[in-house]
Amino acid sequence: MDILYLLVPLSVVLALLILGALAWAIFKGQFDDLEREGGRIFEND
């Protein structure tokens, strides 16, 4: 039972970190132009 006092807060912190990383990626524009990035692999340098 004592382990729950450790695991529950750690899982909440991990969930908040994941949500923070997702929010950061969205607000930085990582998902703005998905079509161009998918076709970029076919372009020659």
C-alpha atoms as a PDB file:
ATOM      1  CA  MET A   1       0.000   0.000   0.000  1.00  0.00           C
ATOM      2  CA  ASP A   2       2.879   2.363   0.698  1.00  0.00           C
ATOM      3  CA  ILE A   3       4.098   2.082  -2.878  1.00  0.00           C
ATOM      4  CA  LEU A   4       0.905   3.797  -4.064  1.00  0.00           C
ATOM      5  CA  TYR A   5       2.007   6.965  -2.293  1.00  0.00           C
ATOM      6  CA  LEU A   6       4.988   6.987  -4.625  1.00  0.00           C
ATOM      7  CA  LEU A   7       3.481   5.653  -7.843  1.00  0.00           C
ATOM      8  CA  VAL A   8       0.372   7.839  -8.014  1.00  0.00           C
ATOM      9  CA  PRO A   9       2.236  11.179  -7.841  1.00  0.00           C
ATOM     10  CA  LEU A  10       4.876   9.897 -10.253  1.00  0.00           C
ATOM     11  CA  SER A  11       2.229   8.879 -12.766  1.00  0.00           C
ATOM     12  CA  VAL A  12       0.566  12.289 -12.472  1.00  0.00           C
ATOM     13  CA  VAL A  13       3.898  14.030 -13.044  1.00  0.00           C
ATOM     14  CA  LEU A  14       4.626  11.810 -16.049  1.00  0.00           C
ATOM     15  CA  ALA A  15       1.198  12.517 -17.543  1.00  0.00           C
ATOM     16  CA  LEU A  16       1.729  16.265 -17.089  1.00  0.00           C
ATOM     17  CA  LEU A  17       5.144  16.063 -18.752  1.00  0.00           C
ATOM     18  CA  ILE A  18       3.667  14.234 -21.726  1.00  0.00           C
ATOM     19  CA  LEU A  19       0.852  16.754 -22.051  1.00  0.00           C
ATOM     20  CA  GLY A  20       3.373  19.594 -21.765  1.00  0.00           C
ATOM     21  CA  ALA A  21       5.520  18.110 -24.534  1.00  0.00           C
ATOM     22  CA  LEU A  22       2.479  17.695 -26.757  1.00  0.00           C
ATOM     23  CA  ALA A  23       1.346  21.264 -26.108  1.00  0.00           C
ATOM     24  CA  TRP A  24       4.852  22.548 -26.808  1.00  0.00           C
ATOM     25  CA  ALA A  25       4.955  20.675 -30.131  1.00  0.00           C
ATOM     26  CA  ILE A  26       1.541  21.992 -31.144  1.00  0.00           C
ATOM     27  CA  PHE A  27       2.325  25.610 -30.281  1.00  0.00           C
ATOM     28  CA  LYS A  28       5.740  25.464 -31.976  1.00  0.00           C
ATOM     29  CA  GLY A  29       4.083  24.456 -35.250  1.00  0.00           C
ATOM     30  CA  GLN A  30       5.296  20.877 -35.512  1.00  0.00           C
ATOM     31  CA  PHE A  31       1.981  19.713 -36.947  1.00  0.00           C
ATOM     32  CA  ASP A  32       1.191  22.635 -39.269  1.00  0.00           C
ATOM     33  CA  ASP A  33       2.090  21.195 -42.673  1.00  0.00           C
ATOM     34  CA  LEU A  34       1.898  17.421 -42.635  1.00  0.00           C
ATOM     35  CA  GLU A  35       1.411  17.028 -46.400  1.00  0.00           C
ATOM     36  CA  ARG A  36       4.666  18.781 -47.328  1.00  0.00           C
ATOM     37  CA  GLU A  37       6.697  16.768 -44.844  1.00  0.00           C
ATOM     38  CA  GLY A  38       5.241  13.527 -46.170  1.00  0.00           C
ATOM     39  CA  GLY A  39       6.211  14.400 -49.735  1.00  0.00           C
ATOM     40  CA  ARG A  40       9.640  15.783 -48.865  1.00  0.00           C
ATOM     41  CA  ILE A  41      11.129  12.299 -48.751  1.00  0.00           C
ATOM     42  CA  PHE A  42      10.553  11.927 -52.499  1.00  0.00           C
ATOM     43  CA  GLU A  43      12.396  15.138 -53.423  1.00  0.00           C
ATOM     44  CA  ASN A  44      15.972  14.996 -54.693  1.00  0.00           C
ATOM     45  CA  ASP A  45      18.637  17.164 -53.090  1.00  0.00           C
END
